[in-house]
Protein backbone atom coordinates (compact mmCIF):
# COMPACT_ATOMS: atom_id res chain seq x y z
CA MET A 1 -39.57 -40.27 -12.35
CA CYS A 2 -42.17 -38.69 -10.06
CA CYS A 3 -43.72 -42.08 -9.34
CA ASP A 4 -40.34 -43.55 -8.39
CA LEU A 5 -39.89 -40.83 -5.79
CA PHE A 6 -43.43 -41.20 -4.47
CA PHE A 7 -43.04 -44.94 -4.04
CA ALA A 8 -39.63 -44.76 -2.39
CA ALA A 9 -39.43 -46.92 0.74
CA GLN A 10 -39.43 -44.04 3.20
CA ASN A 11 -42.35 -42.30 1.49
CA VAL A 12 -44.49 -45.45 1.48
CA SER A 13 -43.71 -46.24 5.12
CA ASN A 14 -44.25 -42.60 6.16
CA ALA A 15 -47.65 -42.59 4.47
CA ALA A 16 -48.67 -45.81 6.24
CA TRP A 17 -47.43 -44.42 9.57
CA ALA A 18 -49.21 -41.08 9.11
CA PHE A 19 -52.54 -42.58 8.10
CA GLY A 20 -52.21 -45.16 10.86
CA SER A 21 -51.53 -42.40 13.40
CA LEU A 22 -54.75 -40.73 12.35
CA GLY A 23 -56.65 -44.02 12.44
CA VAL A 24 -57.67 -43.63 8.81
CA GLN A 25 -59.60 -46.68 7.69
CA HIS A 26 -59.28 -46.77 3.93
CA PRO A 27 -58.66 -50.35 2.75
CA ALA A 28 -57.99 -49.41 -0.88
CA MET A 29 -55.27 -46.97 0.15
CA PHE A 30 -53.57 -49.47 2.43
CA ASP A 31 -53.80 -52.10 -0.31
CA ALA A 32 -52.08 -49.62 -2.65
CA LEU A 33 -49.33 -49.01 -0.08
CA ALA A 34 -48.84 -52.77 0.28
CA SER A 35 -48.62 -53.10 -3.49
CA ALA A 36 -46.03 -50.32 -3.63
CA ALA A 37 -43.96 -52.06 -0.95
CA LYS A 38 -44.22 -55.34 -2.81
CA ALA A 39 -43.17 -53.73 -6.09
CA ALA A 40 -40.06 -52.29 -4.44
CA LYS A 41 -38.72 -55.83 -3.84
CA LEU A 42 -36.73 -54.81 -0.75
CA GLU A 43 -35.06 -51.91 -2.51
CA GLY A 44 -34.44 -49.16 0.01
CA TYR A 45 -36.35 -50.68 2.93
CA ASN A 46 -34.62 -50.68 6.30
CA SER A 47 -35.84 -51.81 9.70
CA GLN A 48 -37.45 -48.44 10.48
CA ASN A 49 -39.37 -48.39 7.17
CA ILE A 50 -40.68 -51.91 7.75
CA THR A 51 -41.66 -51.14 11.34
CA ASP A 52 -43.48 -47.95 10.34
CA LEU A 53 -45.26 -49.76 7.52
CA ALA A 54 -46.44 -52.60 9.76
CA TRP A 55 -47.38 -50.25 12.62
CA GLY A 56 -49.40 -48.01 10.32
CA PHE A 57 -51.40 -50.96 9.04
CA ALA A 58 -51.99 -52.30 12.54
CA ASN A 59 -52.89 -48.97 14.13
CA ALA A 60 -55.42 -48.20 11.41
CA GLY A 61 -57.01 -51.59 12.01
CA HIS A 62 -56.32 -52.61 8.44
CA GLN A 63 -56.66 -56.34 7.93
CA VAL A 64 -53.59 -57.31 5.97
CA ARG A 65 -54.38 -59.93 3.38
CA PRO A 66 -52.20 -63.04 3.26
CA GLU A 67 -50.28 -61.53 0.36
CA GLY A 68 -49.53 -58.44 2.45
CA THR A 69 -48.31 -60.57 5.31
CA ARG A 70 -45.92 -62.30 2.91
CA VAL A 71 -44.66 -58.90 1.75
CA LEU A 72 -43.86 -57.88 5.34
CA GLN A 73 -42.18 -61.22 5.97
CA THR A 74 -40.12 -60.89 2.81
CA LEU A 75 -39.11 -57.31 3.65
CA SER A 76 -38.06 -58.22 7.18
CA GLN A 77 -36.30 -61.52 6.45
CA PRO A 78 -32.86 -60.04 5.66
CA LEU A 79 -33.01 -58.09 8.93
CA VAL A 80 -33.43 -61.18 11.11
CA ASN A 81 -30.80 -63.32 9.41
């Protein structure tokens, strides 16, 4: 139960945004956030969550692996259709 709450869409995107705002460069943490987003399979993600997630990664200078890029594409696809 606690893990479900921690990995809720808004919590994951807020964490990425916060660490990105601080310029934290911690690849393992950002990889874990990407994995949490992937595991959610779109559940609960809205345009703001996706934007904050992507911005946090970019602002921290985190190099998103190809798998992470696919996650962001998958999350955003329903919003552009």
